[in-house]
Amino acid sequence: WSDDVARIARLHSENMANYNFFSHAGVDGLMVNDRADFFGINK
């Protein structure tokens, strides 16, 4: 279990719930690798 990785997952689940969509791409077009970058996880 990684708290850092869980934050990436929570961000996407929260946005799917709040904006009523279901996709790997967020409402802004970002994918999981982009969300990792957002939290400073790029290595």
ModelCIF file with pLDDT and N, C-alpha, C, O atoms, coordinates in Angstrom:
data_MODEL
#
_entry.id   MODEL 
#
_entity.id                         1 
_entity.type                       polymer 
_entity.pdbx_number_of_molecules   1 
#
_entity_poly.entity_id                      1 
_entity_poly.type                           'polypeptide(L)' 
_entity_poly.nstd_linkage                   no 
_entity_poly.nstd_monomer                   no 
_entity_poly.pdbx_seq_one_letter_code       WSDDVARIARLHSENMANYNFFSHAGVDGLMVNDRADFFGINK 
_entity_poly.pdbx_seq_one_letter_code_can   WSDDVARIARLHSENMANYNFFSHAGVDGLMVNDRADFFGINK 
_entity_poly.pdbx_strand_id                 A 
#
loop_
_entity_poly_seq.entity_id 
_entity_poly_seq.num 
_entity_poly_seq.mon_id 
_entity_poly_seq.hetero 
1 1  TRP n 
1 2  SER n 
1 3  ASP n 
1 4  ASP n 
1 5  VAL n 
1 6  ALA n 
1 7  ARG n 
1 8  ILE n 
1 9  ALA n 
1 10 ARG n 
1 11 LEU n 
1 12 HIS n 
1 13 SER n 
1 14 GLU n 
1 15 ASN n 
1 16 MET n 
1 17 ALA n 
1 18 ASN n 
1 19 TYR n 
1 20 ASN n 
1 21 PHE n 
1 22 PHE n 
1 23 SER n 
1 24 HIS n 
1 25 ALA n 
1 26 GLY n 
1 27 VAL n 
1 28 ASP n 
1 29 GLY n 
1 30 LEU n 
1 31 MET n 
1 32 VAL n 
1 33 ASN n 
1 34 ASP n 
1 35 ARG n 
1 36 ALA n 
1 37 ASP n 
1 38 PHE n 
1 39 PHE n 
1 40 GLY n 
1 41 ILE n 
1 42 ASN n 
1 43 LYS n 
#
_struct_asym.id          A 
_struct_asym.entity_id   1 
#
loop_
_ma_qa_metric.id 
_ma_qa_metric.mode 
_ma_qa_metric.name 
_ma_qa_metric.software_group_id 
_ma_qa_metric.type 
1 global pLDDT . pLDDT 
2 local  pLDDT . pLDDT 
#
_ma_qa_metric_global.metric_id      1 
_ma_qa_metric_global.metric_value   94.51 
_ma_qa_metric_global.model_id       1 
_ma_qa_metric_global.ordinal_id     1 
#
loop_
_ma_qa_metric_local.label_asym_id 
_ma_qa_metric_local.label_comp_id 
_ma_qa_metric_local.label_seq_id 
_ma_qa_metric_local.metric_id 
_ma_qa_metric_local.metric_value 
_ma_qa_metric_local.model_id 
_ma_qa_metric_local.ordinal_id 
A TRP 1  2 98.00 1 1  
A SER 2  2 97.00 1 2  
A ASP 3  2 96.00 1 3  
A ASP 4  2 95.00 1 4  
A VAL 5  2 97.00 1 5  
A ALA 6  2 96.00 1 6  
A ARG 7  2 95.00 1 7  
A ILE 8  2 96.00 1 8  
A ALA 9  2 97.00 1 9  
A ARG 10 2 96.00 1 10 
A LEU 11 2 95.00 1 11 
A HIS 12 2 96.00 1 12 
A SER 13 2 97.00 1 13 
A GLU 14 2 94.00 1 14 
A ASN 15 2 95.00 1 15 
A MET 16 2 96.00 1 16 
A ALA 17 2 95.00 1 17 
A ASN 18 2 94.00 1 18 
A TYR 19 2 95.00 1 19 
A ASN 20 2 94.00 1 20 
A PHE 21 2 95.00 1 21 
A PHE 22 2 95.00 1 22 
A SER 23 2 96.00 1 23 
A HIS 24 2 96.00 1 24 
A ALA 25 2 95.00 1 25 
A GLY 26 2 94.00 1 26 
A VAL 27 2 89.00 1 27 
A ASP 28 2 89.00 1 28 
A GLY 29 2 91.00 1 29 
A LEU 30 2 92.00 1 30 
A MET 31 2 96.00 1 31 
A VAL 32 2 96.00 1 32 
A ASN 33 2 95.00 1 33 
A ASP 34 2 95.00 1 34 
A ARG 35 2 95.00 1 35 
A ALA 36 2 95.00 1 36 
A ASP 37 2 94.00 1 37 
A PHE 38 2 91.00 1 38 
A PHE 39 2 93.00 1 39 
A GLY 40 2 94.00 1 40 
A ILE 41 2 94.00 1 41 
A ASN 42 2 89.00 1 42 
A LYS 43 2 91.00 1 43 
#
loop_
_atom_site.group_PDB 
_atom_site.id 
_atom_site.type_symbol 
_atom_site.label_atom_id 
_atom_site.label_alt_id 
_atom_site.label_comp_id 
_atom_site.label_asym_id 
_atom_site.label_entity_id 
_atom_site.label_seq_id 
_atom_site.pdbx_PDB_ins_code 
_atom_site.Cartn_x 
_atom_site.Cartn_y 
_atom_site.Cartn_z 
_atom_site.occupancy 
_atom_site.B_iso_or_equiv 
_atom_site.pdbx_formal_charge 
_atom_site.auth_seq_id 
_atom_site.auth_comp_id 
_atom_site.auth_asym_id 
_atom_site.auth_atom_id 
_atom_site.pdbx_PDB_model_num 
ATOM 1   N N  . TRP A 1 1  ? 0.842   -1.196 0.000   1.00 98.00 ? 1  TRP A N  1 
ATOM 2   C CA . TRP A 1 1  ? 0.000   0.000  0.000   1.00 98.00 ? 1  TRP A CA 1 
ATOM 3   C C  . TRP A 1 1  ? 0.877   1.246  0.000   1.00 98.00 ? 1  TRP A C  1 
ATOM 4   O O  . TRP A 1 1  ? 1.854   1.331  0.745   1.00 98.00 ? 1  TRP A O  1 
ATOM 5   N N  . SER A 1 2  ? 0.515   2.217  -0.850  1.00 97.00 ? 2  SER A N  1 
ATOM 6   C CA . SER A 1 2  ? 1.235   3.484  -0.932  1.00 97.00 ? 2  SER A CA 1 
ATOM 7   C C  . SER A 1 2  ? 0.252   4.634  -0.763  1.00 97.00 ? 2  SER A C  1 
ATOM 8   O O  . SER A 1 2  ? -0.696  4.761  -1.537  1.00 97.00 ? 2  SER A O  1 
ATOM 9   N N  . ASP A 1 3  ? 0.474   5.463  0.238   1.00 96.00 ? 3  ASP A N  1 
ATOM 10  C CA . ASP A 1 3  ? -0.380  6.637  0.423   1.00 96.00 ? 3  ASP A CA 1 
ATOM 11  C C  . ASP A 1 3  ? -0.256  7.596  -0.754  1.00 96.00 ? 3  ASP A C  1 
ATOM 12  O O  . ASP A 1 3  ? -1.237  8.221  -1.157  1.00 96.00 ? 3  ASP A O  1 
ATOM 13  N N  . ASP A 1 4  ? 0.962   7.714  -1.311  1.00 95.00 ? 4  ASP A N  1 
ATOM 14  C CA . ASP A 1 4  ? 1.164   8.593  -2.473  1.00 95.00 ? 4  ASP A CA 1 
ATOM 15  C C  . ASP A 1 4  ? 0.329   8.128  -3.658  1.00 95.00 ? 4  ASP A C  1 
ATOM 16  O O  . ASP A 1 4  ? -0.316  8.933  -4.330  1.00 95.00 ? 4  ASP A O  1 
ATOM 17  N N  . VAL A 1 5  ? 0.348   6.827  -3.907  1.00 97.00 ? 5  VAL A N  1 
ATOM 18  C CA . VAL A 1 5  ? -0.405  6.281  -5.038  1.00 97.00 ? 5  VAL A CA 1 
ATOM 19  C C  . VAL A 1 5  ? -1.909  6.367  -4.757  1.00 97.00 ? 5  VAL A C  1 
ATOM 20  O O  . VAL A 1 5  ? -2.697  6.602  -5.674  1.00 97.00 ? 5  VAL A O  1 
ATOM 21  N N  . ALA A 1 6  ? -2.307  6.181  -3.508  1.00 96.00 ? 6  ALA A N  1 
ATOM 22  C CA . ALA A 1 6  ? -3.724  6.286  -3.153  1.00 96.00 ? 6  ALA A CA 1 
ATOM 23  C C  . ALA A 1 6  ? -4.256  7.686  -3.413  1.00 96.00 ? 6  ALA A C  1 
ATOM 24  O O  . ALA A 1 6  ? -5.419  7.846  -3.783  1.00 96.00 ? 6  ALA A O  1 
ATOM 25  N N  . ARG A 1 7  ? -3.420  8.703  -3.224  1.00 95.00 ? 7  ARG A N  1 
ATOM 26  C CA . ARG A 1 7  ? -3.868  10.080 -3.507  1.00 95.00 ? 7  ARG A CA 1 
ATOM 27  C C  . ARG A 1 7  ? -4.195  10.257 -4.986  1.00 95.00 ? 7  ARG A C  1 
ATOM 28  O O  . ARG A 1 7  ? -5.138  10.965 -5.340  1.00 95.00 ? 7  ARG A O  1 
ATOM 29  N N  . ILE A 1 8  ? -3.412  9.610  -5.846  1.00 96.00 ? 8  ILE A N  1 
ATOM 30  C CA . ILE A 1 8  ? -3.703  9.668  -7.285  1.00 96.00 ? 8  ILE A CA 1 
ATOM 31  C C  . ILE A 1 8  ? -5.061  9.038  -7.559  1.00 96.00 ? 8  ILE A C  1 
ATOM 32  O O  . ILE A 1 8  ? -5.874  9.583  -8.306  1.00 96.00 ? 8  ILE A O  1 
ATOM 33  N N  . ALA A 1 9  ? -5.293  7.888  -6.946  1.00 97.00 ? 9  ALA A N  1 
ATOM 34  C CA . ALA A 1 9  ? -6.550  7.165  -7.158  1.00 97.00 ? 9  ALA A CA 1 
ATOM 35  C C  . ALA A 1 9  ? -7.737  7.946  -6.607  1.00 97.00 ? 9  ALA A C  1 
ATOM 36  O O  . ALA A 1 9  ? -8.788  8.015  -7.244  1.00 97.00 ? 9  ALA A O  1 
ATOM 37  N N  . ARG A 1 10 ? -7.569  8.537  -5.416  1.00 96.00 ? 10 ARG A N  1 
ATOM 38  C CA . ARG A 1 10 ? -8.675  9.287  -4.810  1.00 96.00 ? 10 ARG A CA 1 
ATOM 39  C C  . ARG A 1 10 ? -9.044  10.507 -5.645  1.00 96.00 ? 10 ARG A C  1 
ATOM 40  O O  . ARG A 1 10 ? -10.221 10.840 -5.777  1.00 96.00 ? 10 ARG A O  1 
ATOM 41  N N  . LEU A 1 11 ? -8.041  11.169 -6.206  1.00 95.00 ? 11 LEU A N  1 
ATOM 42  C CA . LEU A 1 11 ? -8.318  12.341 -7.037  1.00 95.00 ? 11 LEU A CA 1 
ATOM 43  C C  . LEU A 1 11 ? -9.260  11.980 -8.176  1.00 95.00 ? 11 LEU A C  1 
ATOM 44  O O  . LEU A 1 11 ? -10.216 12.703 -8.458  1.00 95.00 ? 11 LEU A O  1 
ATOM 45  N N  . HIS A 1 12 ? -8.980  10.843 -8.835  1.00 96.00 ? 12 HIS A N  1 
ATOM 46  C CA . HIS A 1 12 ? -9.799  10.469 -9.988  1.00 96.00 ? 12 HIS A CA 1 
ATOM 47  C C  . HIS A 1 12 ? -11.191 10.016 -9.566  1.00 96.00 ? 12 HIS A C  1 
ATOM 48  O O  . HIS A 1 12 ? -12.179 10.380 -10.205 1.00 96.00 ? 12 HIS A O  1 
ATOM 49  N N  . SER A 1 13 ? -11.281 9.224  -8.492  1.00 97.00 ? 13 SER A N  1 
ATOM 50  C CA . SER A 1 13 ? -12.605 8.787  -8.026  1.00 97.00 ? 13 SER A CA 1 
ATOM 51  C C  . SER A 1 13 ? -13.454 9.977  -7.588  1.00 97.00 ? 13 SER A C  1 
ATOM 52  O O  . SER A 1 13 ? -14.646 10.030 -7.888  1.00 97.00 ? 13 SER A O  1 
ATOM 53  N N  . GLU A 1 14 ? -12.850 10.927 -6.883  1.00 94.00 ? 14 GLU A N  1 
ATOM 54  C CA . GLU A 1 14 ? -13.583 12.119 -6.445  1.00 94.00 ? 14 GLU A CA 1 
ATOM 55  C C  . GLU A 1 14 ? -14.097 12.911 -7.640  1.00 94.00 ? 14 GLU A C  1 
ATOM 56  O O  . GLU A 1 14 ? -15.240 13.369 -7.634  1.00 94.00 ? 14 GLU A O  1 
ATOM 57  N N  . ASN A 1 15 ? -13.269 13.073 -8.656  1.00 95.00 ? 15 ASN A N  1 
ATOM 58  C CA . ASN A 1 15 ? -13.700 13.838 -9.816  1.00 95.00 ? 15 ASN A CA 1 
ATOM 59  C C  . ASN A 1 15 ? -14.778 13.111 -10.617 1.00 95.00 ? 15 ASN A C  1 
ATOM 60  O O  . ASN A 1 15 ? -15.694 13.746 -11.140 1.00 95.00 ? 15 ASN A O  1 
ATOM 61  N N  . MET A 1 16 ? -14.677 11.774 -10.718 1.00 96.00 ? 16 MET A N  1 
ATOM 62  C CA . MET A 1 16 ? -15.738 11.034 -11.404 1.00 96.00 ? 16 MET A CA 1 
ATOM 63  C C  . MET A 1 16 ? -17.056 11.187 -10.659 1.00 96.00 ? 16 MET A C  1 
ATOM 64  O O  . MET A 1 16 ? -18.111 11.349 -11.272 1.00 96.00 ? 16 MET A O  1 
ATOM 65  N N  . ALA A 1 17 ? -16.987 11.134 -9.328  1.00 95.00 ? 17 ALA A N  1 
ATOM 66  C CA . ALA A 1 17 ? -18.209 11.270 -8.532  1.00 95.00 ? 17 ALA A CA 1 
ATOM 67  C C  . ALA A 1 17 ? -18.781 12.684 -8.608  1.00 95.00 ? 17 ALA A C  1 
ATOM 68  O O  . ALA A 1 17 ? -19.989 12.862 -8.763  1.00 95.00 ? 17 ALA A O  1 
ATOM 69  N N  . ASN A 1 18 ? -17.916 13.678 -8.500  1.00 94.00 ? 18 ASN A N  1 
ATOM 70  C CA . ASN A 1 18 ? -18.385 15.062 -8.469  1.00 94.00 ? 18 ASN A CA 1 
ATOM 71  C C  . ASN A 1 18 ? -18.881 15.564 -9.819  1.00 94.00 ? 18 ASN A C  1 
ATOM 72  O O  . ASN A 1 18 ? -19.802 16.379 -9.884  1.00 94.00 ? 18 ASN A O  1 
ATOM 73  N N  . TYR A 1 19 ? -18.267 15.076 -10.904 1.00 95.00 ? 19 TYR A N  1 
ATOM 74  C CA . TYR A 1 19 ? -18.625 15.559 -12.235 1.00 95.00 ? 19 TYR A CA 1 
ATOM 75  C C  . TYR A 1 19 ? -19.421 14.538 -13.048 1.00 95.00 ? 19 TYR A C  1 
ATOM 76  O O  . TYR A 1 19 ? -19.685 14.755 -14.231 1.00 95.00 ? 19 TYR A O  1 
ATOM 77  N N  . ASN A 1 20 ? -19.803 13.431 -12.417 1.00 94.00 ? 20 ASN A N  1 
ATOM 78  C CA . ASN A 1 20 ? -20.725 12.461 -13.020 1.00 94.00 ? 20 ASN A CA 1 
ATOM 79  C C  . ASN A 1 20 ? -20.245 11.963 -14.388 1.00 94.00 ? 20 ASN A C  1 
ATOM 80  O O  . ASN A 1 20 ? -20.950 12.081 -15.389 1.00 94.00 ? 20 ASN A O  1 
ATOM 81  N N  . PHE A 1 21 ? -19.031 11.405 -14.405 1.00 95.00 ? 21 PHE A N  1 
ATOM 82  C CA . PHE A 1 21 ? -18.528 10.784 -15.635 1.00 95.00 ? 21 PHE A CA 1 
ATOM 83  C C  . PHE A 1 21 ? -17.796 9.514  -15.249 1.00 95.00 ? 21 PHE A C  1 
ATOM 84  O O  . PHE A 1 21 ? -17.518 9.278  -14.074 1.00 95.00 ? 21 PHE A O  1 
ATOM 85  N N  . PHE A 1 22 ? -17.485 8.696  -16.249 1.00 95.00 ? 22 PHE A N  1 
ATOM 86  C CA . PHE A 1 22 ? -16.783 7.434  -15.992 1.00 95.00 ? 22 PHE A CA 1 
ATOM 87  C C  . PHE A 1 22 ? -15.830 7.158  -17.136 1.00 95.00 ? 22 PHE A C  1 
ATOM 88  O O  . PHE A 1 22 ? -16.250 6.766  -18.224 1.00 95.00 ? 22 PHE A O  1 
ATOM 89  N N  . SER A 1 23 ? -14.547 7.363  -16.888 1.00 96.00 ? 23 SER A N  1 
ATOM 90  C CA . SER A 1 23 ? -13.540 7.204  -17.934 1.00 96.00 ? 23 SER A CA 1 
ATOM 91  C C  . SER A 1 23 ? -12.162 7.255  -17.290 1.00 96.00 ? 23 SER A C  1 
ATOM 92  O O  . SER A 1 23 ? -11.994 7.830  -16.215 1.00 96.00 ? 23 SER A O  1 
ATOM 93  N N  . HIS A 1 24 ? -11.177 6.651  -17.949 1.00 96.00 ? 24 HIS A N  1 
ATOM 94  C CA . HIS A 1 24 ? -9.799  6.812  -17.489 1.00 96.00 ? 24 HIS A CA 1 
ATOM 95  C C  . HIS A 1 24 ? -9.333  8.252  -17.688 1.00 96.00 ? 24 HIS A C  1 
ATOM 96  O O  . HIS A 1 24 ? -8.512  8.752  -16.919 1.00 96.00 ? 24 HIS A O  1 
ATOM 97  N N  . ALA A 1 25 ? -9.852  8.915  -18.715 1.00 95.00 ? 25 ALA A N  1 
ATOM 98  C CA . ALA A 1 25 ? -9.524  10.323 -18.943 1.00 95.00 ? 25 ALA A CA 1 
ATOM 99  C C  . ALA A 1 25 ? -10.394 11.186 -18.046 1.00 95.00 ? 25 ALA A C  1 
ATOM 100 O O  . ALA A 1 25 ? -11.607 10.986 -17.976 1.00 95.00 ? 25 ALA A O  1 
ATOM 101 N N  . GLY A 1 26 ? -9.782  12.145 -17.359 1.00 94.00 ? 26 GLY A N  1 
ATOM 102 C CA . GLY A 1 26 ? -10.544 13.060 -16.519 1.00 94.00 ? 26 GLY A CA 1 
ATOM 103 C C  . GLY A 1 26 ? -11.336 14.044 -17.349 1.00 94.00 ? 26 GLY A C  1 
ATOM 104 O O  . GLY A 1 26 ? -11.231 14.052 -18.576 1.00 94.00 ? 26 GLY A O  1 
ATOM 105 N N  . VAL A 1 27 ? -12.129 14.876 -16.691 1.00 89.00 ? 27 VAL A N  1 
ATOM 106 C CA . VAL A 1 27 ? -12.906 15.872 -17.429 1.00 89.00 ? 27 VAL A CA 1 
ATOM 107 C C  . VAL A 1 27 ? -11.995 16.877 -18.121 1.00 89.00 ? 27 VAL A C  1 
ATOM 108 O O  . VAL A 1 27 ? -12.421 17.577 -19.040 1.00 89.00 ? 27 VAL A O  1 
ATOM 109 N N  . ASP A 1 28 ? -10.738 16.949 -17.679 1.00 89.00 ? 28 ASP A N  1 
ATOM 110 C CA . ASP A 1 28 ? -9.761  17.843 -18.306 1.00 89.00 ? 28 ASP A CA 1 
ATOM 111 C C  . ASP A 1 28 ? -8.889  17.118 -19.321 1.00 89.00 ? 28 ASP A C  1 
ATOM 112 O O  . ASP A 1 28 ? -7.953  17.706 -19.862 1.00 89.00 ? 28 ASP A O  1 
ATOM 113 N N  . GLY A 1 29 ? -9.187  15.839 -19.587 1.00 91.00 ? 29 GLY A N  1 
ATOM 114 C CA . GLY A 1 29 ? -8.420  15.073 -20.567 1.00 91.00 ? 29 GLY A CA 1 
ATOM 115 C C  . GLY A 1 29 ? -7.172  14.416 -20.010 1.00 91.00 ? 29 GLY A C  1 
ATOM 116 O O  . GLY A 1 29 ? -6.464  13.725 -20.742 1.00 91.00 ? 29 GLY A O  1 
ATOM 117 N N  . LEU A 1 30 ? -6.885  14.616 -18.719 1.00 92.00 ? 30 LEU A N  1 
ATOM 118 C CA . LEU A 1 30 ? -5.671  14.049 -18.135 1.00 92.00 ? 30 LEU A CA 1 
ATOM 119 C C  . LEU A 1 30 ? -5.848  12.560 -17.837 1.00 92.00 ? 30 LEU A C  1 
ATOM 120 O O  . LEU A 1 30 ? -6.935  12.099 -17.490 1.00 92.00 ? 30 LEU A O  1 
ATOM 121 N N  . MET A 1 31 ? -4.737  11.821 -17.986 1.00 96.00 ? 31 MET A N  1 
ATOM 122 C CA . MET A 1 31 ? -4.726  10.388 -17.714 1.00 96.00 ? 31 MET A CA 1 
ATOM 123 C C  . MET A 1 31 ? -3.982  10.118 -16.419 1.00 96.00 ? 31 MET A C  1 
ATOM 124 O O  . MET A 1 31 ? -3.517  11.046 -15.758 1.00 96.00 ? 31 MET A O  1 
ATOM 125 N N  . VAL A 1 32 ? -3.868  8.841  -16.054 1.00 96.00 ? 32 VAL A N  1 
ATOM 126 C CA . VAL A 1 32 ? -3.282  8.488  -14.772 1.00 96.00 ? 32 VAL A CA 1 
ATOM 127 C C  . VAL A 1 32 ? -1.841  8.971  -14.653 1.00 96.00 ? 32 VAL A C  1 
ATOM 128 O O  . VAL A 1 32 ? -1.432  9.379  -13.566 1.00 96.00 ? 32 VAL A O  1 
ATOM 129 N N  . ASN A 1 33 ? -1.059  8.940  -15.726 1.00 95.00 ? 33 ASN A N  1 
ATOM 130 C CA . ASN A 1 33 ? 0.319   9.426  -15.656 1.00 95.00 ? 33 ASN A CA 1 
ATOM 131 C C  . ASN A 1 33 ? 0.358   10.923 -15.396 1.00 95.00 ? 33 ASN A C  1 
ATOM 132 O O  . ASN A 1 33 ? 1.252   11.412 -14.707 1.00 95.00 ? 33 ASN A O  1 
ATOM 133 N N  . ASP A 1 34 ? -0.627  11.667 -15.956 1.00 95.00 ? 34 ASP A N  1 
ATOM 134 C CA . ASP A 1 34 ? -0.704  13.107 -15.704 1.00 95.00 ? 34 ASP A CA 1 
ATOM 135 C C  . ASP A 1 34 ? -1.064  13.391 -14.247 1.00 95.00 ? 34 ASP A C  1 
ATOM 136 O O  . ASP A 1 34 ? -0.540  14.319 -13.631 1.00 95.00 ? 34 ASP A O  1 
ATOM 137 N N  . ARG A 1 35 ? -1.969  12.572 -13.710 1.00 95.00 ? 35 ARG A N  1 
ATOM 138 C CA . ARG A 1 35 ? -2.345  12.754 -12.308 1.00 95.00 ? 35 ARG A CA 1 
ATOM 139 C C  . ARG A 1 35 ? -1.178  12.421 -11.386 1.00 95.00 ? 35 ARG A C  1 
ATOM 140 O O  . ARG A 1 35 ? -1.028  13.034 -10.329 1.00 95.00 ? 35 ARG A O  1 
ATOM 141 N N  . ALA A 1 36 ? -0.351  11.455 -11.778 1.00 95.00 ? 36 ALA A N  1 
ATOM 142 C CA . ALA A 1 36 ? 0.853   11.159 -11.001 1.00 95.00 ? 36 ALA A CA 1 
ATOM 143 C C  . ALA A 1 36 ? 1.796   12.367 -11.007 1.00 95.00 ? 36 ALA A C  1 
ATOM 144 O O  . ALA A 1 36 ? 2.370   12.719 -9.976  1.00 95.00 ? 36 ALA A O  1 
ATOM 145 N N  . ASP A 1 37 ? 1.949   12.994 -12.166 1.00 94.00 ? 37 ASP A N  1 
ATOM 146 C CA . ASP A 1 37 ? 2.776   14.198 -12.268 1.00 94.00 ? 37 ASP A CA 1 
ATOM 147 C C  . ASP A 1 37 ? 2.266   15.296 -11.350 1.00 94.00 ? 37 ASP A C  1 
ATOM 148 O O  . ASP A 1 37 ? 3.056   16.017 -10.740 1.00 94.00 ? 37 ASP A O  1 
ATOM 149 N N  . PHE A 1 38 ? 0.950   15.428 -11.248 1.00 91.00 ? 38 PHE A N  1 
ATOM 150 C CA . PHE A 1 38 ? 0.321   16.454 -10.424 1.00 91.00 ? 38 PHE A CA 1 
ATOM 151 C C  . PHE A 1 38 ? 0.752   16.326 -8.967  1.00 91.00 ? 38 PHE A C  1 
ATOM 152 O O  . PHE A 1 38 ? 0.893   17.327 -8.264  1.00 91.00 ? 38 PHE A O  1 
ATOM 153 N N  . PHE A 1 39 ? 0.963   15.077 -8.514  1.00 93.00 ? 39 PHE A N  1 
ATOM 154 C CA . PHE A 1 39 ? 1.380   14.837 -7.140  1.00 93.00 ? 39 PHE A CA 1 
ATOM 155 C C  . PHE A 1 39 ? 2.898   14.660 -7.015  1.00 93.00 ? 39 PHE A C  1 
ATOM 156 O O  . PHE A 1 39 ? 3.394   14.238 -5.971  1.00 93.00 ? 39 PHE A O  1 
ATOM 157 N N  . GLY A 1 40 ? 3.621   14.982 -8.076  1.00 94.00 ? 40 GLY A N  1 
ATOM 158 C CA . GLY A 1 40 ? 5.075   14.933 -8.032  1.00 94.00 ? 40 GLY A CA 1 
ATOM 159 C C  . GLY A 1 40 ? 5.667   13.547 -8.149  1.00 94.00 ? 40 GLY A C  1 
ATOM 160 O O  . GLY A 1 40 ? 6.827   13.334 -7.797  1.00 94.00 ? 40 GLY A O  1 
ATOM 161 N N  . ILE A 1 41 ? 4.877   12.592 -8.644  1.00 94.00 ? 41 ILE A N  1 
ATOM 162 C CA . ILE A 1 41 ? 5.379   11.223 -8.827  1.00 94.00 ? 41 ILE A CA 1 
ATOM 163 C C  . ILE A 1 41 ? 5.681   11.036 -10.313 1.00 94.00 ? 41 ILE A C  1 
ATOM 164 O O  . ILE A 1 41 ? 4.780   10.759 -11.105 1.00 94.00 ? 41 ILE A O  1 
ATOM 165 N N  . ASN A 1 42 ? 6.939   11.187 -10.685 1.00 89.00 ? 42 ASN A N  1 
ATOM 166 C CA . ASN A 1 42 ? 7.292   11.093 -12.104 1.00 89.00 ? 42 ASN A CA 1 
ATOM 167 C C  . ASN A 1 42 ? 8.465   10.161 -12.378 1.00 89.00 ? 42 ASN A C  1 
ATOM 168 O O  . ASN A 1 42 ? 8.849   9.982  -13.534 1.00 89.00 ? 42 ASN A O  1 
ATOM 169 N N  . LYS A 1 43 ? 9.036   9.569  -11.344 1.00 91.00 ? 43 LYS A N  1 
ATOM 170 C CA . LYS A 1 43 ? 10.135  8.632  -11.539 1.00 91.00 ? 43 LYS A CA 1 
ATOM 171 C C  . LYS A 1 43 ? 9.604   7.207  -11.418 1.00 91.00 ? 43 LYS A C  1 
ATOM 172 O O  . LYS A 1 43 ? 10.368  6.251  -11.549 1.00 91.00 ? 43 LYS A O  1 
#
